[in-house]
Amino acid sequence: MSHPITIPAWQRPHWRASDEKILLQFYVFGKFDAVRVPSQDYGSPGLPAGLTATSHRHADLRSWDGYPLKGAMGRMYKADAPQAYQRALDAPEVMVVRGTLEDSPATGYLRDTLGVLAGMLGVGGVAILDPQILSLLDAAAWRRHYLIRDGAPIRHHLLILCDGESEPGRSWIHTRGMRKFGRPDVSIHHVPDAAIDRAGLLCEQLVELQALGAHFAEGQRLDVEGVSAGAVVRLGGGLEDPQFNNSFVELTWPT
């Protein structure tokens, strides 16, 4: 890019100190030049303390249990982004960026990490995989998604899903990726078909509040547009939870 966009960091006005941890993880595929990654072009001084970037021969990663381009996950990435998948698969090297950070009142850590990822694309990276939001993007698509003047919207850093429930006519709205902000994911069960849009909007509002530092308490009642009774928060999950790999804030749509 001839005129790199500086990636901003935003304050978290609802933040208060907690023992929650932020977790970031990315795979950058490519053939990398032996030069300093130009992260400063994007407003980043480098990776924040707590994160590491390790270089691997791609052939060595293929035998890892957690290798992301094989099995059911690999087939999903291939179906969703075939061009990015092939570029990643053909790349001879992989940079793994990963680590945990203390909860933070601002998102400078995210800006600094994204600046390093953007810099890696400038020195030989061809695709970036974000396993927390099941995203595989080639270099051009990643830049379009994250290198936005004044900053990519919060929703670009997360995934909001809608899956069917066992009860006909009801859906489950839920998120992935809130560990990037050291906050629980959001889960809204038993949403009727007619309310899916409203539930999706509520979900987006809740994750944005949390990304800005908010916490929700067990038993807290939240206002829901068009529902006089509102909805009650339940807390659950944890890093070993098979559906979230994270804690979660759960709501059941009022009947």
Protein backbone atom coordinates (compact mmCIF):
# COMPACT_ATOMS: atom_id res chain seq x y z
CA MET A 1 0.00 0.00 0.00
CA SER A 2 1.53 3.33 -0.99
CA HIS A 3 -0.32 5.26 1.72
CA PRO A 4 -0.91 2.93 4.72
CA ILE A 5 -3.86 3.73 6.94
CA THR A 6 -3.03 4.28 10.60
CA ILE A 7 -5.11 1.87 12.67
CA PRO A 8 -6.73 3.71 15.60
CA ALA A 9 -7.22 2.48 19.16
CA TRP A 10 -10.41 3.33 20.95
CA GLN A 11 -11.05 3.96 24.64
CA ARG A 12 -13.37 1.67 26.60
CA PRO A 13 -15.56 4.12 28.55
CA HIS A 14 -17.42 1.35 30.45
CA TRP A 15 -14.25 -0.46 31.52
CA ARG A 16 -13.43 -1.28 35.11
CA ALA A 17 -10.54 -3.39 36.36
CA SER A 18 -11.10 -7.16 36.43
CA ASP A 19 -9.18 -10.42 36.34
CA GLU A 20 -10.44 -11.22 32.84
CA LYS A 21 -7.87 -12.08 30.18
CA ILE A 22 -7.66 -10.99 26.55
CA LEU A 23 -6.64 -13.69 24.07
CA LEU A 24 -5.46 -13.07 20.51
CA GLN A 25 -4.49 -15.70 17.94
CA PHE A 26 -3.77 -15.45 14.22
CA TYR A 27 -2.05 -17.50 11.51
CA VAL A 28 -0.33 -15.55 8.73
CA PHE A 29 0.57 -17.66 5.67
CA GLY A 30 3.19 -16.64 3.13
CA LYS A 31 6.88 -16.53 2.18
CA PHE A 32 8.36 -13.81 4.31
CA ASP A 33 11.22 -11.45 3.54
CA ALA A 34 13.96 -11.32 6.17
CA VAL A 35 13.28 -7.68 7.01
CA ARG A 36 11.75 -5.74 9.87
CA VAL A 37 7.96 -5.92 9.72
CA PRO A 38 6.83 -2.35 8.88
CA SER A 39 4.13 -2.18 11.56
CA GLN A 40 4.96 1.45 12.34
CA ASP A 41 3.41 2.39 8.99
CA TYR A 42 0.06 1.44 10.54
CA GLY A 43 0.55 3.20 13.90
CA SER A 44 1.91 0.13 15.70
CA PRO A 45 5.24 0.01 17.56
CA GLY A 46 5.12 -3.81 17.40
CA LEU A 47 3.42 -6.61 19.27
CA PRO A 48 2.33 -5.78 22.81
CA ALA A 49 4.05 -7.55 25.70
CA GLY A 50 2.41 -10.93 26.16
CA LEU A 51 2.07 -11.72 22.45
CA THR A 52 4.65 -13.59 20.39
CA ALA A 53 5.13 -14.19 16.68
CA THR A 54 6.76 -17.54 15.89
CA SER A 55 7.89 -18.62 12.42
CA HIS A 56 7.23 -22.15 11.18
CA ARG A 57 7.75 -24.15 8.05
CA HIS A 58 4.25 -24.90 6.84
CA ALA A 59 5.15 -28.56 6.33
CA ASP A 60 5.94 -28.84 10.06
CA LEU A 61 2.53 -27.51 11.09
CA ARG A 62 0.49 -29.97 9.06
CA SER A 63 0.92 -32.67 11.71
CA TRP A 64 -0.28 -30.48 14.58
CA ASP A 65 -3.53 -31.57 16.22
CA GLY A 66 -4.71 -27.96 16.01
CA TYR A 67 -3.63 -27.36 12.41
CA PRO A 68 -6.52 -25.25 11.09
CA LEU A 69 -6.54 -26.18 7.39
CA LYS A 70 -7.38 -29.86 7.82
CA GLY A 71 -10.48 -31.83 8.78
CA ALA A 72 -13.92 -30.29 9.10
CA MET A 73 -12.53 -26.81 9.76
CA GLY A 74 -10.32 -26.97 6.69
CA ARG A 75 -13.27 -28.03 4.55
CA MET A 76 -15.29 -25.10 5.93
CA TYR A 77 -12.55 -22.59 5.09
CA LYS A 78 -12.15 -24.13 1.62
CA ALA A 79 -15.88 -23.79 0.95
CA ASP A 80 -16.17 -20.26 2.36
CA ALA A 81 -13.01 -18.75 0.85
CA PRO A 82 -11.56 -21.08 -1.81
CA GLN A 83 -9.02 -18.60 -3.18
CA ALA A 84 -7.71 -17.62 0.25
CA TYR A 85 -7.66 -21.28 1.30
CA GLN A 86 -5.55 -22.30 -1.71
CA ARG A 87 -3.13 -19.43 -1.18
CA ALA A 88 -2.77 -20.35 2.48
CA LEU A 89 -2.39 -24.05 1.69
CA ASP A 90 0.34 -23.37 -0.90
CA ALA A 91 2.33 -20.98 1.32
CA PRO A 92 5.67 -22.42 2.51
CA GLU A 93 5.76 -20.52 5.80
CA VAL A 94 3.39 -19.64 8.63
CA MET A 95 3.73 -16.96 11.28
CA VAL A 96 1.70 -17.78 14.41
CA VAL A 97 0.79 -14.71 16.47
CA ARG A 98 -0.63 -15.60 19.85
CA GLY A 99 -0.78 -14.64 23.50
CA THR A 100 -2.83 -13.49 26.46
CA LEU A 101 -2.99 -10.01 27.94
CA GLU A 102 -4.39 -8.39 31.04
CA ASP A 103 -7.74 -6.65 30.70
CA SER A 104 -7.18 -3.14 29.40
CA PRO A 105 -9.02 0.21 29.50
CA ALA A 106 -8.15 0.88 25.83
CA THR A 107 -7.60 -1.17 22.69
CA GLY A 108 -4.05 -0.12 21.87
CA TYR A 109 -3.11 -3.80 22.13
CA LEU A 110 -5.47 -4.62 19.27
CA ARG A 111 -4.24 -1.74 17.12
CA ASP A 112 -0.63 -2.80 17.70
CA THR A 113 -1.37 -6.42 16.81
CA LEU A 114 -3.35 -5.55 13.68
CA GLY A 115 -0.53 -3.23 12.62
CA VAL A 116 1.92 -6.14 12.81
CA LEU A 117 -0.43 -8.36 10.81
CA ALA A 118 -0.81 -5.64 8.17
CA GLY A 119 2.96 -5.25 8.07
CA MET A 120 3.40 -9.00 7.55
CA LEU A 121 1.18 -8.79 4.47
CA GLY A 122 3.62 -6.23 3.13
CA VAL A 123 6.65 -8.52 3.45
CA GLY A 124 5.29 -11.71 1.92
CA GLY A 125 2.06 -12.64 3.70
CA VAL A 126 -0.74 -13.88 1.44
CA ALA A 127 -3.56 -14.83 3.85
CA ILE A 128 -4.56 -14.45 7.51
CA LEU A 129 -6.62 -16.94 9.49
CA ASP A 130 -8.42 -15.84 12.65
CA PRO A 131 -9.63 -19.05 14.34
CA GLN A 132 -11.60 -17.17 16.99
CA ILE A 133 -14.07 -15.91 14.38
CA LEU A 134 -13.59 -18.72 11.83
CA SER A 135 -12.24 -16.25 9.28
CA LEU A 136 -9.72 -16.87 6.48
CA LEU A 137 -9.02 -13.86 4.25
CA ASP A 138 -6.48 -13.31 1.51
CA ALA A 139 -4.30 -10.21 1.76
CA ALA A 140 -6.56 -7.94 -0.29
CA ALA A 141 -9.73 -8.99 1.55
CA TRP A 142 -8.05 -8.61 4.95
CA ARG A 143 -6.96 -5.07 4.11
CA ARG A 144 -10.47 -4.17 2.94
CA HIS A 145 -11.93 -5.58 6.15
CA TYR A 146 -9.55 -4.01 8.70
CA LEU A 147 -7.65 -1.13 7.10
CA ILE A 148 -10.52 1.32 7.12
CA ARG A 149 -9.98 5.01 7.70
CA ASP A 150 -11.10 5.89 11.27
CA GLY A 151 -11.03 2.19 12.09
CA ALA A 152 -12.97 -0.96 11.29
CA PRO A 153 -16.28 -1.21 13.17
CA ILE A 154 -16.33 -3.45 16.24
CA ARG A 155 -18.51 -6.01 14.46
CA HIS A 156 -15.66 -6.69 12.01
CA HIS A 157 -13.69 -8.20 14.88
CA LEU A 158 -16.48 -10.62 15.86
CA LEU A 159 -18.79 -13.25 14.41
CA ILE A 160 -22.55 -13.28 15.00
CA LEU A 161 -24.26 -16.57 14.11
CA CYS A 162 -27.87 -17.69 13.78
CA ASP A 163 -28.57 -21.43 14.19
CA GLY A 164 -31.83 -23.36 14.41
CA GLU A 165 -33.08 -24.69 17.74
CA SER A 166 -34.68 -28.09 18.29
CA GLU A 167 -38.03 -26.30 18.65
CA PRO A 168 -39.43 -25.44 15.20
CA GLY A 169 -39.63 -21.74 14.43
CA ARG A 170 -37.00 -20.81 17.00
CA SER A 171 -33.36 -19.82 16.54
CA TRP A 172 -30.21 -19.39 18.60
CA ILE A 173 -28.27 -16.13 18.09
CA HIS A 174 -24.72 -16.28 19.41
CA THR A 175 -21.24 -14.82 18.95
CA ARG A 176 -17.60 -15.79 18.71
CA GLY A 177 -14.55 -13.62 19.25
CA MET A 178 -15.21 -11.71 22.46
CA ARG A 179 -12.04 -13.13 24.00
CA LYS A 180 -10.27 -10.45 21.91
CA PHE A 181 -11.77 -7.98 24.38
CA GLY A 182 -11.55 -10.14 27.51
CA ARG A 183 -15.33 -10.45 27.69
CA PRO A 184 -17.94 -13.24 27.48
CA ASP A 185 -19.60 -14.13 24.21
CA VAL A 186 -23.35 -13.54 23.88
CA SER A 187 -25.99 -16.27 23.55
CA ILE A 188 -29.72 -15.64 22.97
CA HIS A 189 -31.87 -18.78 22.91
CA HIS A 190 -35.41 -19.50 21.66
CA VAL A 191 -35.73 -16.50 19.38
CA PRO A 192 -38.91 -16.74 17.26
CA ASP A 193 -38.54 -16.30 13.52
CA ALA A 194 -40.37 -12.98 13.61
CA ALA A 195 -37.86 -11.57 16.14
CA ILE A 196 -34.57 -12.69 14.57
CA ASP A 197 -33.69 -9.20 13.31
CA ARG A 198 -34.44 -7.64 16.70
CA ALA A 199 -32.42 -10.31 18.49
CA GLY A 200 -29.53 -9.84 16.07
CA LEU A 201 -29.55 -6.10 16.74
CA LEU A 202 -29.67 -6.71 20.50
CA CYS A 203 -26.74 -9.12 20.20
CA GLU A 204 -24.73 -6.54 18.27
CA GLN A 205 -25.52 -3.89 20.89
CA LEU A 206 -24.43 -6.19 23.73
CA VAL A 207 -21.12 -7.14 22.16
CA GLU A 208 -20.35 -3.50 21.36
CA LEU A 209 -21.07 -2.51 24.97
CA GLN A 210 -18.73 -5.26 26.17
CA ALA A 211 -16.05 -4.33 23.65
CA LEU A 212 -16.25 -0.85 25.22
CA GLY A 213 -15.61 -2.45 28.60
CA ALA A 214 -19.07 -3.19 30.03
CA HIS A 215 -19.78 -6.13 32.33
CA PHE A 216 -23.15 -7.83 32.79
CA ALA A 217 -24.17 -9.36 36.11
CA GLU A 218 -25.98 -12.59 36.90
CA GLY A 219 -29.71 -11.88 37.09
CA GLN A 220 -29.43 -8.45 35.47
CA ARG A 221 -32.56 -7.52 33.52
CA LEU A 222 -31.99 -5.98 30.09
CA ASP A 223 -34.47 -3.95 28.11
CA VAL A 224 -35.56 -5.54 24.84
CA GLU A 225 -37.34 -3.39 22.29
CA GLY A 226 -40.96 -4.43 21.96
CA VAL A 227 -40.81 -6.84 24.95
CA SER A 228 -42.19 -5.32 28.13
CA ALA A 229 -40.72 -7.99 30.42
CA GLY A 230 -37.19 -7.58 29.09
CA ALA A 231 -34.70 -10.46 29.36
CA VAL A 232 -32.65 -11.78 32.30
CA VAL A 233 -28.89 -12.39 32.09
CA ARG A 234 -27.39 -15.75 33.05
CA LEU A 235 -23.63 -16.26 33.13
CA GLY A 236 -21.92 -19.51 32.18
CA GLY A 237 -19.28 -21.30 30.17
CA GLY A 238 -15.51 -21.02 30.38
CA LEU A 239 -12.44 -21.61 28.23
CA GLU A 240 -13.24 -25.33 28.02
CA ASP A 241 -16.83 -24.78 26.89
CA PRO A 242 -17.13 -26.72 23.59
CA GLN A 243 -19.44 -24.20 21.90
CA PHE A 244 -17.71 -20.96 22.83
CA ASN A 245 -14.22 -21.73 24.19
CA ASN A 246 -15.12 -18.79 26.38
CA SER A 247 -17.49 -17.70 29.09
CA PHE A 248 -20.86 -16.41 27.89
CA VAL A 249 -23.70 -14.06 28.73
CA GLU A 250 -26.93 -15.94 28.04
CA LEU A 251 -30.43 -14.60 27.51
CA THR A 252 -33.60 -16.53 26.78
CA TRP A 253 -35.95 -14.59 24.52
CA PRO A 254 -39.12 -13.78 26.47
CA THR A 255 -42.21 -15.77 25.44
